[in-house]
């Protein structure tokens, strides 16, 4: 299913930790653009920086 999601956008809530963080990273690796939402802005920014390092094929 992930292959069919390439060039899509996903909004991830709770993106700074746990399932939300893992989902955001996994989706980004699959070429899905992700929007990160979390009450902990600093932690969400750390996830953003981690995602920005991912080289999408």
N, C-alpha and C. Protein backbone atom coordinates (compact mmCIF):
# COMPACT_ATOMS: atom_id res chain seq x y z
N UNK A 1 0.82 -1.20 0.00
CA UNK A 1 0.00 0.00 0.00
C UNK A 1 0.86 1.26 0.00
N UNK A 2 2.00 1.24 0.67
CA UNK A 2 2.85 2.43 0.75
C UNK A 2 3.27 2.88 -0.65
N UNK A 3 3.55 1.96 -1.57
CA UNK A 3 3.98 2.36 -2.90
C UNK A 3 2.94 3.21 -3.61
N UNK A 4 1.66 2.97 -3.34
CA UNK A 4 0.61 3.74 -3.98
C UNK A 4 0.44 5.12 -3.35
N UNK A 5 1.12 5.35 -2.24
CA UNK A 5 0.99 6.63 -1.54
C UNK A 5 2.04 7.65 -1.95
N UNK A 6 2.99 7.26 -2.80
CA UNK A 6 4.05 8.19 -3.21
C UNK A 6 3.43 9.44 -3.83
N UNK A 7 4.04 10.58 -3.55
CA UNK A 7 3.58 11.89 -4.01
C UNK A 7 2.25 12.30 -3.38
N UNK A 8 1.98 11.77 -2.21
CA UNK A 8 0.80 12.14 -1.43
C UNK A 8 1.23 12.97 -0.23
N UNK A 9 0.26 13.47 0.52
CA UNK A 9 0.53 14.24 1.72
C UNK A 9 -0.22 13.61 2.89
N UNK A 10 0.46 13.48 4.03
CA UNK A 10 -0.17 12.96 5.25
C UNK A 10 0.05 13.95 6.38
N UNK A 11 -0.98 14.18 7.16
CA UNK A 11 -0.87 15.01 8.35
C UNK A 11 -0.79 14.06 9.55
N UNK A 12 0.29 14.17 10.30
CA UNK A 12 0.54 13.27 11.43
C UNK A 12 0.38 14.06 12.73
N UNK A 13 -0.58 13.64 13.56
CA UNK A 13 -0.74 14.26 14.88
C UNK A 13 0.03 13.42 15.90
N UNK A 14 0.53 14.08 16.92
CA UNK A 14 1.36 13.39 17.90
C UNK A 14 2.68 12.96 17.28
N UNK A 15 3.21 13.82 16.41
CA UNK A 15 4.36 13.45 15.58
C UNK A 15 5.71 13.52 16.27
N UNK A 16 5.76 13.97 17.51
CA UNK A 16 7.08 14.14 18.14
C UNK A 16 7.58 12.89 18.85
N UNK A 17 6.73 11.88 19.01
CA UNK A 17 7.19 10.67 19.70
C UNK A 17 6.30 9.48 19.38
N UNK A 18 6.79 8.32 19.75
CA UNK A 18 6.00 7.09 19.65
C UNK A 18 5.53 6.74 18.26
N UNK A 19 4.29 6.30 18.17
CA UNK A 19 3.71 5.86 16.90
C UNK A 19 3.68 7.00 15.88
N UNK A 20 3.36 8.21 16.33
CA UNK A 20 3.31 9.34 15.41
C UNK A 20 4.66 9.62 14.77
N UNK A 21 5.71 9.60 15.56
CA UNK A 21 7.06 9.83 15.05
C UNK A 21 7.46 8.73 14.08
N UNK A 22 7.23 7.49 14.48
CA UNK A 22 7.58 6.35 13.62
C UNK A 22 6.82 6.40 12.31
N UNK A 23 5.54 6.72 12.38
CA UNK A 23 4.72 6.82 11.17
C UNK A 23 5.23 7.93 10.26
N UNK A 24 5.53 9.09 10.82
CA UNK A 24 6.02 10.21 10.03
C UNK A 24 7.32 9.85 9.31
N UNK A 25 8.23 9.22 10.00
CA UNK A 25 9.51 8.84 9.40
C UNK A 25 9.30 7.78 8.33
N UNK A 26 8.48 6.80 8.62
CA UNK A 26 8.20 5.72 7.66
C UNK A 26 7.56 6.29 6.39
N UNK A 27 6.58 7.16 6.56
CA UNK A 27 5.92 7.77 5.40
C UNK A 27 6.91 8.61 4.60
N UNK A 28 7.75 9.38 5.27
CA UNK A 28 8.73 10.21 4.57
C UNK A 28 9.69 9.34 3.76
N UNK A 29 10.10 8.22 4.32
CA UNK A 29 10.99 7.31 3.61
C UNK A 29 10.32 6.75 2.36
N UNK A 30 8.99 6.65 2.39
CA UNK A 30 8.23 6.13 1.25
C UNK A 30 7.92 7.22 0.22
N UNK A 31 8.37 8.46 0.47
CA UNK A 31 8.15 9.54 -0.47
C UNK A 31 6.89 10.34 -0.22
N UNK A 32 6.24 10.08 0.89
CA UNK A 32 5.03 10.82 1.25
C UNK A 32 5.45 12.11 1.96
N UNK A 33 4.89 13.22 1.54
CA UNK A 33 5.15 14.48 2.23
C UNK A 33 4.34 14.46 3.52
N UNK A 34 4.97 14.84 4.62
CA UNK A 34 4.29 14.77 5.92
C UNK A 34 4.20 16.15 6.57
N UNK A 35 3.05 16.40 7.16
CA UNK A 35 2.85 17.57 8.00
C UNK A 35 2.87 17.09 9.44
N UNK A 36 3.68 17.71 10.26
CA UNK A 36 3.85 17.28 11.65
C UNK A 36 3.09 18.20 12.59
N UNK A 37 2.26 17.60 13.44
CA UNK A 37 1.50 18.36 14.42
C UNK A 37 1.75 17.74 15.79
N UNK A 38 2.10 18.59 16.76
CA UNK A 38 2.29 18.11 18.12
C UNK A 38 2.27 19.29 19.07
N UNK A 39 1.83 19.05 20.27
CA UNK A 39 1.82 20.10 21.29
C UNK A 39 3.24 20.47 21.73
N UNK A 40 4.18 19.54 21.56
CA UNK A 40 5.58 19.77 21.92
C UNK A 40 6.33 20.25 20.68
N UNK A 41 6.31 21.55 20.45
CA UNK A 41 6.87 22.13 19.23
C UNK A 41 8.36 21.82 19.05
N UNK A 42 9.14 21.91 20.11
CA UNK A 42 10.58 21.64 20.00
C UNK A 42 10.84 20.20 19.56
N UNK A 43 10.08 19.27 20.13
CA UNK A 43 10.25 17.86 19.77
C UNK A 43 9.81 17.62 18.33
N UNK A 44 8.73 18.26 17.91
CA UNK A 44 8.27 18.12 16.52
C UNK A 44 9.32 18.68 15.56
N UNK A 45 9.97 19.77 15.93
CA UNK A 45 11.02 20.34 15.09
C UNK A 45 12.21 19.39 14.98
N UNK A 46 12.49 18.65 16.05
CA UNK A 46 13.58 17.66 16.01
C UNK A 46 13.24 16.55 15.02
N UNK A 47 11.98 16.11 15.01
CA UNK A 47 11.54 15.09 14.06
C UNK A 47 11.61 15.65 12.64
N UNK A 48 11.23 16.89 12.48
CA UNK A 48 11.31 17.54 11.16
C UNK A 48 12.74 17.51 10.63
N UNK A 49 13.70 17.85 11.48
CA UNK A 49 15.11 17.84 11.06
C UNK A 49 15.56 16.43 10.69
N UNK A 50 15.09 15.44 11.44
CA UNK A 50 15.43 14.05 11.15
C UNK A 50 14.86 13.64 9.79
N UNK A 51 13.63 14.05 9.52
CA UNK A 51 12.99 13.72 8.24
C UNK A 51 13.68 14.43 7.09
N UNK A 52 14.13 15.66 7.29
CA UNK A 52 14.80 16.40 6.24
C UNK A 52 16.09 15.74 5.79
N UNK A 53 16.68 14.90 6.62
CA UNK A 53 17.91 14.18 6.27
C UNK A 53 17.66 12.95 5.40
N UNK A 54 16.41 12.53 5.30
CA UNK A 54 16.06 11.32 4.56
C UNK A 54 16.18 11.57 3.07
N UNK A 55 16.87 10.67 2.39
CA UNK A 55 17.00 10.74 0.94
C UNK A 55 15.92 9.85 0.33
N UNK A 56 14.94 10.47 -0.31
CA UNK A 56 13.84 9.70 -0.92
C UNK A 56 14.25 9.24 -2.30
N UNK A 57 13.98 7.96 -2.61
CA UNK A 57 14.34 7.39 -3.91
C UNK A 57 13.31 7.77 -4.96
